[in-house]
Protein backbone atom coordinates (compact mmCIF):
# COMPACT_ATOMS: atom_id res chain seq x y z
CA MET A 1 16.13 11.77 7.34
CA PRO A 2 13.56 9.33 7.33
CA ARG A 3 10.71 9.76 9.82
CA PRO A 4 10.48 7.42 13.07
CA LYS A 5 8.42 4.56 12.70
CA LYS A 6 5.01 4.72 14.15
CA GLN A 7 3.94 2.58 16.94
CA ARG A 8 1.78 -0.64 15.69
CA LYS A 9 -0.48 -2.52 17.42
CA ILE A 10 0.24 -6.55 16.89
CA CYS A 11 -1.54 -9.16 18.97
CA LEU A 12 0.11 -11.88 17.01
CA ASP A 13 2.73 -13.75 18.75
CA PRO A 14 3.79 -16.91 16.52
CA ASN A 15 5.21 -19.86 17.61
CA ILE A 16 6.98 -20.88 15.02
CA LYS A 17 10.08 -19.03 14.01
CA CYS A 18 11.28 -19.98 10.73
CA PHE A 19 10.04 -22.03 7.54
CA ILE A 20 12.88 -23.60 5.76
CA PRO A 21 12.28 -25.71 2.38
CA GLU A 22 11.90 -29.66 2.35
CA TRP A 23 15.40 -29.90 0.25
CA THR A 24 17.66 -27.57 2.59
CA LYS A 25 21.29 -26.54 1.65
CA ASP A 26 23.42 -25.94 4.09
CA ASP A 27 23.93 -22.12 2.95
CA ILE A 28 20.41 -21.35 2.21
CA GLU A 29 19.26 -17.88 1.52
CA THR A 30 16.87 -16.42 4.03
CA VAL A 31 13.95 -13.92 3.87
CA GLU A 32 12.98 -12.21 7.05
CA ILE A 33 9.50 -10.92 7.81
CA PHE A 34 8.47 -9.07 10.75
CA CYS A 35 5.93 -9.47 12.88
CA ASP A 36 4.00 -6.34 12.06
CA GLU A 37 4.19 -7.64 7.93
CA LEU A 38 2.71 -10.91 9.56
CA GLU A 39 0.15 -9.32 11.55
CA ALA A 40 -1.08 -7.76 8.47
CA MET A 41 -1.44 -10.55 6.68
CA LYS A 42 -3.01 -12.26 9.11
CA LEU A 43 -5.69 -9.24 9.16
CA VAL A 44 -6.32 -9.34 5.27
CA ASN A 45 -6.04 -13.09 4.43
CA LEU A 46 -7.46 -14.44 7.52
CA GLU A 47 -9.69 -11.90 9.19
CA TRP A 48 -10.82 -10.59 5.57
CA LEU A 49 -10.48 -6.94 6.77
CA ASN A 50 -10.10 -4.61 3.96
CA MET A 51 -7.17 -1.85 4.29
CA LYS A 52 -8.96 0.67 6.08
CA LYS A 53 -9.92 -1.69 8.97
CA GLY A 54 -6.45 -3.36 8.93
CA GLY A 55 -4.66 -0.01 9.46
CA GLU A 56 -7.17 0.99 12.30
CA LYS A 57 -6.72 -2.48 14.03
CA MET A 58 -2.61 -1.85 13.71
CA TRP A 59 -2.97 2.04 14.44
CA VAL A 60 -1.65 2.89 11.27
CA SER A 61 -3.17 4.65 8.33
CA ALA A 62 -4.51 2.97 5.09
CA PRO A 63 -2.02 3.53 2.92
CA THR A 64 0.40 2.55 5.31
CA PHE A 65 -1.04 -0.53 5.99
CA ASN A 66 -1.58 -1.34 2.30
CA ARG A 67 2.58 -0.96 2.03
CA ILE A 68 3.19 -3.43 4.87
CA VAL A 69 0.76 -6.16 3.20
CA SER A 70 2.55 -5.30 0.09
CA LEU A 71 5.93 -5.93 1.18
CA ALA A 72 4.88 -9.11 3.24
CA HIS A 73 3.17 -10.75 0.14
CA LYS A 74 6.15 -9.53 -1.57
CA LYS A 75 8.78 -11.53 0.89
CA VAL A 76 6.51 -14.57 0.83
CA THR A 77 6.41 -15.00 -2.47
CA ASP A 78 10.14 -14.89 -3.09
CA ALA A 79 10.53 -17.47 -0.17
CA ILE A 80 8.21 -19.71 -1.97
CA ILE A 81 9.10 -19.44 -5.51
CA ASN A 82 12.89 -19.41 -5.28
CA GLY A 83 13.28 -21.80 -2.22
CA LYS A 84 14.59 -19.63 0.43
CA ALA A 85 13.88 -19.65 4.11
CA LEU A 86 11.36 -17.79 5.99
CA ALA A 87 12.39 -16.56 9.04
CA ILE A 88 9.82 -14.49 11.36
CA LYS A 89 11.39 -11.76 13.37
CA LYS A 90 10.25 -10.10 16.43
CA CYS A 91 9.62 -6.31 16.60
CA GLU A 92 10.55 -4.11 19.14
């Protein structure tokens, strides 16, 4: 049984909920990115924080922060390269 998810500090509340490719099909695949993943990408890519500082800001360890960022980058890359919609999900 996996450990329960540790509470994460998230300051970002995006107004945009979904990005869809310009050429859309009726049944387009969707990649879901969670707000903690979006927050981690913001801290790394826009605020230029390293893994330790980003982890501290989100109240998680540096390795956990690194996993969150890596997963977020993978999801965004998949959506862009494969022409999928990117949906932003609210965290509980």
